Protein backbone atom coordinates (compact mmCIF):
# COMPACT_ATOMS: atom_id res chain seq x y z
CA MET A 1 87.36 86.48 117.97
CA GLU A 2 83.83 86.70 116.56
CA ASN A 3 83.98 90.33 117.70
CA ARG A 4 86.21 92.08 115.15
CA HIS A 5 87.33 94.61 117.78
CA SER A 6 88.48 92.00 120.29
CA GLU A 7 92.03 90.89 121.05
CA VAL A 8 93.02 87.96 123.23
CA LEU A 9 96.08 86.91 125.21
CA VAL A 10 95.94 83.19 125.96
CA THR A 11 98.23 81.15 128.20
CA LEU A 12 98.99 77.70 126.78
CA MET A 13 100.57 75.46 129.43
CA ALA A 14 102.32 73.33 126.82
CA ASP A 15 104.85 71.65 129.14
CA ALA A 16 102.15 70.56 131.60
CA MET A 17 99.91 69.35 128.76
CA ASN A 18 102.79 67.33 127.36
CA ARG A 19 103.10 65.40 130.62
CA TRP A 20 99.43 64.38 130.50
CA LEU A 21 99.07 63.67 126.77
CA GLU A 22 99.24 59.89 127.20
CA HIS A 23 97.33 59.64 130.47
CA PRO A 24 95.22 56.44 130.57
CA GLU A 25 92.21 58.28 131.97
CA GLY A 26 90.10 59.57 129.11
CA LYS A 27 88.76 62.60 130.98
CA ILE A 28 92.28 63.98 131.35
CA THR A 29 93.09 63.85 127.65
CA GLU A 30 89.58 65.06 126.85
CA HIS A 31 90.32 68.34 128.64
CA ILE A 32 93.45 68.80 126.55
CA CYS A 33 91.51 68.22 123.34
CA GLU A 34 88.91 70.75 124.47
CA ALA A 35 91.64 73.37 124.84
CA PHE A 36 92.55 72.89 121.17
CA GLY A 37 89.02 72.37 119.91
CA CYS A 38 90.09 69.14 118.20
CA ASP A 39 91.64 65.72 118.85
CA ASP A 40 94.83 66.53 116.94
CA ALA A 41 96.68 67.21 120.19
CA LEU A 42 96.74 63.46 120.84
CA ASP A 43 98.49 62.93 117.50
CA VAL A 44 101.38 65.05 118.81
CA ALA A 45 102.08 62.33 121.39
CA ARG A 46 102.32 59.70 118.67
CA GLY A 47 104.24 61.81 116.18
CA PRO A 48 107.96 62.59 115.82
CA GLY A 49 109.74 65.71 117.04
CA ASN A 50 109.52 67.86 120.13
CA ARG A 51 106.07 67.49 121.67
CA VAL A 52 106.01 70.88 123.41
CA THR A 53 106.86 72.58 120.13
CA GLY A 54 104.26 70.43 118.40
CA LEU A 55 101.57 71.61 120.82
CA ARG A 56 102.60 75.22 120.27
CA ASP A 57 102.43 74.87 116.49
CA LEU A 58 99.06 73.14 116.64
CA TYR A 59 97.58 75.84 118.88
CA GLN A 60 98.90 78.54 116.55
CA ARG A 61 97.28 76.86 113.55
CA ARG A 62 93.99 76.61 115.46
CA LEU A 63 94.07 80.29 116.43
CA GLU A 64 94.87 81.28 112.85
CA THR A 65 91.53 79.83 111.75
CA VAL A 66 89.70 82.50 113.80
CA ALA A 67 92.15 85.44 113.93
CA GLU A 68 94.04 87.31 111.22
CA PHE A 69 97.16 87.89 113.31
CA VAL A 70 98.64 85.41 115.80
CA ARG A 71 101.91 85.71 117.69
CA PRO A 72 103.29 83.32 120.37
CA PHE A 73 105.78 84.31 123.07
CA GLU A 74 107.72 81.53 124.78
CA MET A 75 108.26 81.50 128.55
CA ARG A 76 111.15 79.38 129.86
CA ASP A 77 111.94 78.18 133.38
CA ARG A 78 115.19 78.43 135.37
CA ALA A 79 116.53 75.38 133.52
CA ASN A 80 115.85 77.25 130.25
CA ARG A 81 113.18 74.75 129.20
CA PRO A 82 110.01 75.95 127.41
CA GLN A 83 107.28 75.96 130.05
CA TYR A 84 104.33 77.78 128.54
CA TYR A 85 103.37 80.16 125.74
CA LEU A 86 101.53 83.45 125.68
CA PHE A 87 99.48 83.64 122.49
CA PHE A 88 98.28 87.01 121.21
CA ALA A 89 95.54 87.03 118.59
CA SER A 90 93.89 89.97 116.86
CA HIS A 91 92.13 91.08 113.69
CA HIS A 92 93.85 94.45 113.74
CA HIS A 93 97.18 95.29 112.11
CA LYS A 94 98.06 98.04 114.60
CA GLY A 95 97.28 95.93 117.67
CA TYR A 96 99.44 93.12 116.30
CA VAL A 97 102.39 95.45 115.67
CA LYS A 98 102.06 96.99 119.15
CA MET A 99 102.19 93.53 120.73
CA LYS A 100 105.28 92.64 118.67
CA GLU A 101 106.91 95.85 119.90
CA ALA A 102 106.18 94.83 123.50
CA MET A 103 107.69 91.38 122.88
CA TRP A 104 110.85 92.85 121.37
CA LYS A 105 111.14 95.13 124.40
CA VAL A 106 111.13 92.09 126.70
CA ASP A 107 113.45 90.11 124.41
CA PRO A 108 115.60 92.53 122.37
CA ASP A 109 117.61 89.62 120.96
CA THR A 110 114.88 87.57 119.24
CA GLY A 111 111.53 89.09 120.17
CA CYS A 112 109.99 85.71 120.92
CA ARG A 113 110.96 84.41 124.39
CA PHE A 114 111.74 85.12 128.02
CA SER A 115 113.81 82.84 130.23
CA ASP A 116 114.17 82.79 134.01
CA ALA A 117 117.64 81.43 133.34
CA ALA A 118 118.75 84.62 131.59
CA ASP A 119 121.35 86.80 133.27
CA PRO A 120 119.78 90.27 133.67
CA LEU A 121 123.27 91.82 133.45
CA GLN A 122 124.14 90.08 130.17
CA LEU A 123 124.54 92.47 127.26
CA VAL A 124 122.58 91.75 124.09
CA LEU A 125 122.82 93.15 120.59
CA PRO A 126 119.27 94.16 119.65
CA LEU A 127 119.93 94.34 115.90
CA GLY A 128 122.58 91.61 115.71
CA ALA A 129 121.30 88.47 114.03
CA ALA A 130 117.95 90.10 113.24
CA VAL A 131 119.44 92.25 110.48
CA GLY A 132 120.91 89.34 108.53
CA GLN A 133 117.81 87.21 108.97
CA LEU A 134 115.50 89.99 107.85
CA ALA A 135 117.68 90.84 104.84
CA SER A 136 117.52 87.20 103.71
CA ASP A 137 113.76 87.13 104.14
CA LEU A 138 113.29 90.29 102.09
CA ARG A 139 115.52 88.92 99.34
CA ARG A 140 113.40 85.77 99.12
CA ALA A 141 110.17 87.75 99.15
CA PHE A 142 111.02 90.43 96.59
CA SER A 143 113.99 89.30 94.48
CA GLY A 144 113.20 89.35 90.76
CA LYS A 145 109.65 90.65 91.28
CA GLY A 146 110.20 94.19 90.10
CA PRO A 147 109.95 97.48 91.95
CA VAL A 148 107.97 97.79 95.19
CA THR A 149 107.31 100.74 97.46
CA GLY A 150 108.73 101.16 100.92
CA HIS A 151 105.16 100.86 102.19
CA VAL A 152 104.84 97.34 100.77
CA VAL A 153 108.18 96.33 102.29
CA ARG A 154 107.29 97.77 105.69
CA GLU A 155 103.93 95.97 105.77
CA HIS A 156 105.62 92.72 104.78
CA ILE A 157 108.07 93.13 107.66
CA GLU A 158 105.37 93.97 110.19
CA LEU A 159 102.84 91.31 109.16
CA GLU A 160 104.80 88.47 107.56
CA THR A 161 108.01 88.35 109.61
CA PRO A 162 108.90 88.37 113.32
CA TYR A 163 110.58 91.76 112.88
CA LEU A 164 109.59 95.42 113.15
CA LYS A 165 110.04 98.70 111.30
CA LYS A 166 113.01 99.47 113.57
CA HIS A 167 114.89 96.52 112.00
CA MET A 168 114.03 97.63 108.47
CA ARG A 169 116.58 100.39 107.88
CA ALA A 170 119.63 98.37 108.95
CA ALA A 171 118.59 95.40 106.82
CA LEU A 172 117.90 97.54 103.75
CA LYS A 173 121.17 99.44 104.15
CA ASP A 174 123.02 96.11 104.09
CA GLU A 175 121.11 95.01 101.01
CA GLU A 176 121.83 98.28 99.22
CA ALA A 177 125.51 98.22 100.20
CA THR A 178 125.99 94.73 98.78
CA GLY A 179 124.24 95.62 95.52
CA CYS A 180 121.29 93.29 96.10
CA LEU A 181 118.94 96.27 96.31
CA THR A 182 118.63 99.46 94.29
CA VAL A 183 116.58 102.45 95.42
CA GLU A 184 115.33 105.13 93.05
CA PRO A 185 116.68 108.63 93.79
CA VAL A 186 113.19 110.15 93.44
CA GLN A 187 110.21 108.92 95.47
CA THR A 188 106.75 108.24 94.06
CA ASP A 189 105.56 111.58 95.49
CA GLY A 190 108.19 113.44 93.44
CA ARG A 191 110.46 114.27 96.37
CA LYS A 192 114.15 113.40 96.39
CA ARG A 193 114.96 110.39 98.50
CA ILE A 194 117.46 110.98 101.30
CA ARG A 195 120.27 108.47 101.01
CA GLY A 196 120.15 105.75 103.68
CA THR A 197 116.40 106.17 104.29
CA TYR A 198 113.56 103.96 103.07
CA PRO A 199 110.26 105.82 103.48
CA ASP A 200 106.89 104.48 102.35
CA MET A 201 107.15 106.47 99.09
CA ALA A 202 110.57 105.09 98.12
CA THR A 203 110.84 102.68 95.18
CA LEU A 204 112.95 99.57 95.85
CA THR A 205 114.04 96.82 93.49
CA TRP A 206 115.82 93.60 94.41
CA ARG A 207 117.95 91.90 91.79
């Protein structure tokens, strides 16, 4: 990550690490601490909550100290238990968005996990819960803060949420339909806005 043009994809064997966190032999736990670059991993064993999730969160925080953009992808076994995580880290906006797109292609339901227990014939609704979740997030982020451009909203979605530009239109249409969002009829470039679209030059205001 010292090279600004580098990107990494790291496998974190969180489930295996969890089984060895309290091993009496110091060399075993030392290797785990080396993977995180700190001794905080041992605190996960003594703390409350799910230890596998705790290891994931700790590793994400550690990566965020050296990379601008970090995204984990959860891999589950045939029993649908979290087994390991693939962590992507980058300094580049475009690389980060491209990786998120790849993750949503693998998991069109949530964009964050793959399970060996999943039925490959099961139908999923790619925009189902994502639309409502994203709409709520945008309301919290922009409500009462005055007008913003579509560009600002799109960048917020791409960089600050798990979602993508493809989720944006459906979420904004819901917000506009319920009266939570108003969109100016004329864009900042002077062109008329086409109803039901939210280009970068559109002006949006949440109540």
